[in-house]
Amino acid sequence: MAKFTSLNRTSTDGRPKDRLAAIAASEGLSLRAYLARLAETVLTPAERAERAEKARAALKEWNGYAPTRSEQDDLDSELDRRLARVTAR
């Protein structure tokens, strides 16, 4: 229960909490149940890093693809640029 009380304290106007409560209600859930379900689907930074490392290892094993850190950064920048272009439409 303590995990969710900070949501009440972080918003001075209540709008984020009210929005989440409305979304939860539209799905027939309480805010607590909605947040619990959401927590099961969102990866932590450590989980994302672990998945990325597994994907890199699988690509290297499958076809020898092993980008350097610099190449990864360039690819990330290109992806960010393309996503920004698409979402700006």
N, C-alpha and C. Protein backbone atom coordinates (compact mmCIF):
# COMPACT_ATOMS: atom_id res chain seq x y z
N MET A 1 0.81 -1.18 0.00
CA MET A 1 0.00 0.00 0.00
C MET A 1 0.86 1.26 0.00
N ALA A 2 1.98 1.23 0.68
CA ALA A 2 2.85 2.39 0.79
C ALA A 2 3.41 2.80 -0.57
N LYS A 3 3.57 1.85 -1.46
CA LYS A 3 4.10 2.16 -2.78
C LYS A 3 3.26 3.20 -3.50
N PHE A 4 1.96 3.15 -3.33
CA PHE A 4 1.07 3.98 -4.10
C PHE A 4 0.73 5.31 -3.43
N THR A 5 1.05 5.47 -2.17
CA THR A 5 0.71 6.71 -1.49
C THR A 5 1.53 7.88 -2.00
N SER A 6 2.73 7.63 -2.52
CA SER A 6 3.54 8.73 -3.04
C SER A 6 2.89 9.37 -4.25
N LEU A 7 2.06 8.63 -4.97
CA LEU A 7 1.34 9.21 -6.10
C LEU A 7 0.45 10.35 -5.63
N ASN A 8 -0.16 10.20 -4.47
CA ASN A 8 -1.01 11.25 -3.93
C ASN A 8 -0.20 12.48 -3.56
N ARG A 9 0.99 12.29 -3.08
CA ARG A 9 1.80 13.41 -2.60
C ARG A 9 2.59 14.11 -3.70
N THR A 10 2.84 13.47 -4.82
CA THR A 10 3.67 14.08 -5.85
C THR A 10 2.91 15.06 -6.72
N SER A 11 1.61 14.97 -6.77
CA SER A 11 0.81 15.84 -7.62
C SER A 11 0.04 16.84 -6.76
N THR A 12 0.33 18.12 -6.94
CA THR A 12 -0.36 19.13 -6.14
C THR A 12 -1.77 19.38 -6.63
N ASP A 13 -2.04 19.16 -7.90
CA ASP A 13 -3.38 19.42 -8.42
C ASP A 13 -4.21 18.16 -8.64
N GLY A 14 -3.62 16.97 -8.47
CA GLY A 14 -4.38 15.74 -8.59
C GLY A 14 -4.64 15.25 -9.99
N ARG A 15 -4.28 16.02 -11.00
CA ARG A 15 -4.61 15.61 -12.37
C ARG A 15 -4.00 14.29 -12.79
N PRO A 16 -2.72 14.02 -12.56
CA PRO A 16 -2.20 12.71 -12.97
C PRO A 16 -2.92 11.55 -12.30
N LYS A 17 -3.18 11.68 -11.00
CA LYS A 17 -3.89 10.62 -10.29
C LYS A 17 -5.32 10.48 -10.83
N ASP A 18 -5.99 11.61 -11.04
CA ASP A 18 -7.36 11.56 -11.58
C ASP A 18 -7.38 10.92 -12.96
N ARG A 19 -6.40 11.25 -13.78
CA ARG A 19 -6.33 10.68 -15.13
C ARG A 19 -6.14 9.16 -15.05
N LEU A 20 -5.20 8.73 -14.20
CA LEU A 20 -4.97 7.30 -14.05
C LEU A 20 -6.22 6.60 -13.50
N ALA A 21 -6.90 7.23 -12.55
CA ALA A 21 -8.12 6.65 -11.99
C ALA A 21 -9.20 6.52 -13.06
N ALA A 22 -9.31 7.52 -13.94
CA ALA A 22 -10.31 7.47 -15.01
C ALA A 22 -9.97 6.35 -16.00
N ILE A 23 -8.69 6.21 -16.33
CA ILE A 23 -8.28 5.14 -17.23
C ILE A 23 -8.58 3.79 -16.60
N ALA A 24 -8.25 3.64 -15.33
CA ALA A 24 -8.51 2.38 -14.62
C ALA A 24 -10.01 2.08 -14.61
N ALA A 25 -10.81 3.08 -14.29
CA ALA A 25 -12.26 2.88 -14.24
C ALA A 25 -12.81 2.47 -15.60
N SER A 26 -12.27 3.06 -16.67
CA SER A 26 -12.75 2.71 -18.01
C SER A 26 -12.47 1.25 -18.35
N GLU A 27 -11.51 0.66 -17.65
CA GLU A 27 -11.19 -0.76 -17.85
C GLU A 27 -11.78 -1.64 -16.76
N GLY A 28 -12.62 -1.03 -15.93
CA GLY A 28 -13.28 -1.79 -14.87
C GLY A 28 -12.36 -2.17 -13.73
N LEU A 29 -11.32 -1.37 -13.50
CA LEU A 29 -10.34 -1.66 -12.46
C LEU A 29 -10.25 -0.52 -11.46
N SER A 30 -9.82 -0.86 -10.26
CA SER A 30 -9.48 0.19 -9.30
C SER A 30 -8.12 0.76 -9.72
N LEU A 31 -7.79 1.91 -9.19
CA LEU A 31 -6.49 2.50 -9.49
C LEU A 31 -5.37 1.57 -9.04
N ARG A 32 -5.52 0.99 -7.86
CA ARG A 32 -4.49 0.06 -7.35
C ARG A 32 -4.32 -1.13 -8.29
N ALA A 33 -5.42 -1.74 -8.74
CA ALA A 33 -5.34 -2.89 -9.63
C ALA A 33 -4.73 -2.49 -10.97
N TYR A 34 -5.10 -1.31 -11.46
CA TYR A 34 -4.54 -0.83 -12.72
C TYR A 34 -3.03 -0.64 -12.61
N LEU A 35 -2.58 -0.01 -11.52
CA LEU A 35 -1.15 0.21 -11.34
C LEU A 35 -0.40 -1.10 -11.15
N ALA A 36 -1.01 -2.05 -10.48
CA ALA A 36 -0.37 -3.36 -10.31
C ALA A 36 -0.21 -4.04 -11.67
N ARG A 37 -1.25 -3.96 -12.50
CA ARG A 37 -1.17 -4.55 -13.84
C ARG A 37 -0.13 -3.84 -14.68
N LEU A 38 -0.10 -2.52 -14.59
CA LEU A 38 0.88 -1.74 -15.33
C LEU A 38 2.30 -2.10 -14.91
N ALA A 39 2.50 -2.26 -13.61
CA ALA A 39 3.83 -2.59 -13.10
C ALA A 39 4.33 -3.93 -13.64
N GLU A 40 3.42 -4.84 -13.94
CA GLU A 40 3.81 -6.13 -14.50
C GLU A 40 4.24 -6.04 -15.96
N THR A 41 3.86 -4.97 -16.64
CA THR A 41 4.16 -4.86 -18.07
C THR A 41 5.30 -3.92 -18.39
N VAL A 42 5.70 -3.09 -17.45
CA VAL A 42 6.75 -2.11 -17.69
C VAL A 42 8.07 -2.65 -17.16
N LEU A 43 9.10 -2.61 -18.00
CA LEU A 43 10.40 -3.11 -17.60
C LEU A 43 11.19 -2.06 -16.84
N THR A 44 11.98 -2.51 -15.88
CA THR A 44 12.89 -1.62 -15.18
C THR A 44 14.09 -1.35 -16.10
N PRO A 45 14.87 -0.31 -15.83
CA PRO A 45 16.07 -0.08 -16.64
C PRO A 45 17.00 -1.31 -16.67
N ALA A 46 17.14 -1.98 -15.55
CA ALA A 46 17.99 -3.18 -15.51
C ALA A 46 17.42 -4.29 -16.39
N GLU A 47 16.11 -4.47 -16.37
CA GLU A 47 15.48 -5.49 -17.22
C GLU A 47 15.63 -5.15 -18.69
N ARG A 48 15.49 -3.86 -19.04
CA ARG A 48 15.69 -3.46 -20.43
C ARG A 48 17.13 -3.71 -20.88
N ALA A 49 18.08 -3.39 -20.02
CA ALA A 49 19.49 -3.60 -20.34
C ALA A 49 19.78 -5.09 -20.53
N GLU A 50 19.19 -5.91 -19.67
CA GLU A 50 19.39 -7.37 -19.78
C GLU A 50 18.83 -7.89 -21.10
N ARG A 51 17.64 -7.43 -21.47
CA ARG A 51 17.06 -7.87 -22.75
C ARG A 51 17.89 -7.40 -23.93
N ALA A 52 18.38 -6.18 -23.84
CA ALA A 52 19.20 -5.66 -24.94
C ALA A 52 20.48 -6.49 -25.09
N GLU A 53 21.08 -6.84 -23.98
CA GLU A 53 22.30 -7.65 -24.03
C GLU A 53 22.02 -9.02 -24.62
N LYS A 54 20.89 -9.62 -24.24
CA LYS A 54 20.52 -10.92 -24.80
C LYS A 54 20.27 -10.81 -26.30
N ALA A 55 19.65 -9.72 -26.74
CA ALA A 55 19.40 -9.52 -28.17
C ALA A 55 20.71 -9.36 -28.92
N ARG A 56 21.65 -8.58 -28.35
CA ARG A 56 22.96 -8.42 -29.00
C ARG A 56 23.68 -9.76 -29.11
N ALA A 57 23.63 -10.56 -28.05
CA ALA A 57 24.28 -11.87 -28.08
C ALA A 57 23.64 -12.78 -29.12
N ALA A 58 22.32 -12.75 -29.21
CA ALA A 58 21.62 -13.58 -30.20
C ALA A 58 21.96 -13.15 -31.62
N LEU A 59 22.02 -11.85 -31.87
CA LEU A 59 22.38 -11.37 -33.20
C LEU A 59 23.81 -11.76 -33.56
N LYS A 60 24.70 -11.64 -32.59
CA LYS A 60 26.10 -12.00 -32.86
C LYS A 60 26.22 -13.48 -33.19
N GLU A 61 25.52 -14.31 -32.41
CA GLU A 61 25.55 -15.75 -32.66
C GLU A 61 24.91 -16.11 -33.99
N TRP A 62 23.81 -15.46 -34.31
CA TRP A 62 23.05 -15.79 -35.52
C TRP A 62 23.75 -15.36 -36.79
N ASN A 63 24.25 -14.09 -36.82
CA ASN A 63 24.83 -13.62 -38.08
C ASN A 63 26.12 -12.81 -37.92
N GLY A 64 26.69 -12.85 -36.73
CA GLY A 64 27.95 -12.15 -36.51
C GLY A 64 27.82 -10.66 -36.29
N TYR A 65 26.61 -10.14 -36.24
CA TYR A 65 26.40 -8.70 -36.06
C TYR A 65 26.78 -8.31 -34.63
N ALA A 66 27.77 -7.43 -34.52
CA ALA A 66 28.24 -6.99 -33.20
C ALA A 66 28.66 -5.52 -33.29
N PRO A 67 27.69 -4.60 -33.24
CA PRO A 67 28.04 -3.19 -33.36
C PRO A 67 28.86 -2.70 -32.18
N THR A 68 29.74 -1.75 -32.46
CA THR A 68 30.50 -1.12 -31.39
C THR A 68 29.58 -0.18 -30.61
N ARG A 69 30.04 0.30 -29.47
CA ARG A 69 29.25 1.25 -28.68
C ARG A 69 28.94 2.50 -29.51
N SER A 70 29.92 2.96 -30.28
CA SER A 70 29.73 4.14 -31.13
C SER A 70 28.66 3.87 -32.20
N GLU A 71 28.70 2.70 -32.79
CA GLU A 71 27.69 2.35 -33.80
C GLU A 71 26.30 2.26 -33.16
N GLN A 72 26.24 1.71 -31.97
CA GLN A 72 24.95 1.64 -31.26
C GLN A 72 24.41 3.04 -30.98
N ASP A 73 25.30 3.94 -30.55
CA ASP A 73 24.88 5.32 -30.29
C ASP A 73 24.38 5.99 -31.56
N ASP A 74 25.08 5.76 -32.68
CA ASP A 74 24.64 6.33 -33.95
C ASP A 74 23.28 5.79 -34.36
N LEU A 75 23.09 4.49 -34.19
CA LEU A 75 21.80 3.87 -34.52
C LEU A 75 20.69 4.39 -33.62
N ASP A 76 20.99 4.56 -32.33
CA ASP A 76 20.00 5.12 -31.40
C ASP A 76 19.61 6.53 -31.81
N SER A 77 20.60 7.33 -32.20
CA SER A 77 20.32 8.71 -32.63
C SER A 77 19.47 8.73 -33.89
N GLU A 78 19.77 7.84 -34.81
CA GLU A 78 18.98 7.77 -36.04
C GLU A 78 17.55 7.34 -35.75
N LEU A 79 17.38 6.38 -34.87
CA LEU A 79 16.04 5.95 -34.50
C LEU A 79 15.28 7.08 -33.81
N ASP A 80 15.94 7.79 -32.89
CA ASP A 80 15.30 8.93 -32.23
C ASP A 80 14.88 9.99 -33.25
N ARG A 81 15.74 10.26 -34.22
CA ARG A 81 15.43 11.25 -35.26
C ARG A 81 14.20 10.83 -36.06
N ARG A 82 14.16 9.58 -36.46
CA ARG A 82 13.03 9.08 -37.25
C ARG A 82 11.73 9.09 -36.44
N LEU A 83 11.81 8.69 -35.18
CA LEU A 83 10.62 8.70 -34.33
C LEU A 83 10.11 10.12 -34.12
N ALA A 84 11.03 11.06 -33.94
CA ALA A 84 10.63 12.46 -33.76
C ALA A 84 9.94 12.98 -35.01
N ARG A 85 10.45 12.59 -36.16
CA ARG A 85 9.85 13.04 -37.43
C ARG A 85 8.43 12.48 -37.59
N VAL A 86 8.26 11.22 -37.26
CA VAL A 86 6.95 10.58 -37.41
C VAL A 86 5.95 11.14 -36.40
N THR A 87 6.38 11.33 -35.15
CA THR A 87 5.44 11.80 -34.12
C THR A 87 5.12 13.27 -34.28
N ALA A 88 5.93 14.01 -35.03
CA ALA A 88 5.66 15.44 -35.24
C ALA A 88 4.56 15.68 -36.26
N ARG A 89 4.18 14.65 -36.99
CA ARG A 89 3.16 14.79 -38.03
C ARG A 89 1.81 15.07 -37.47
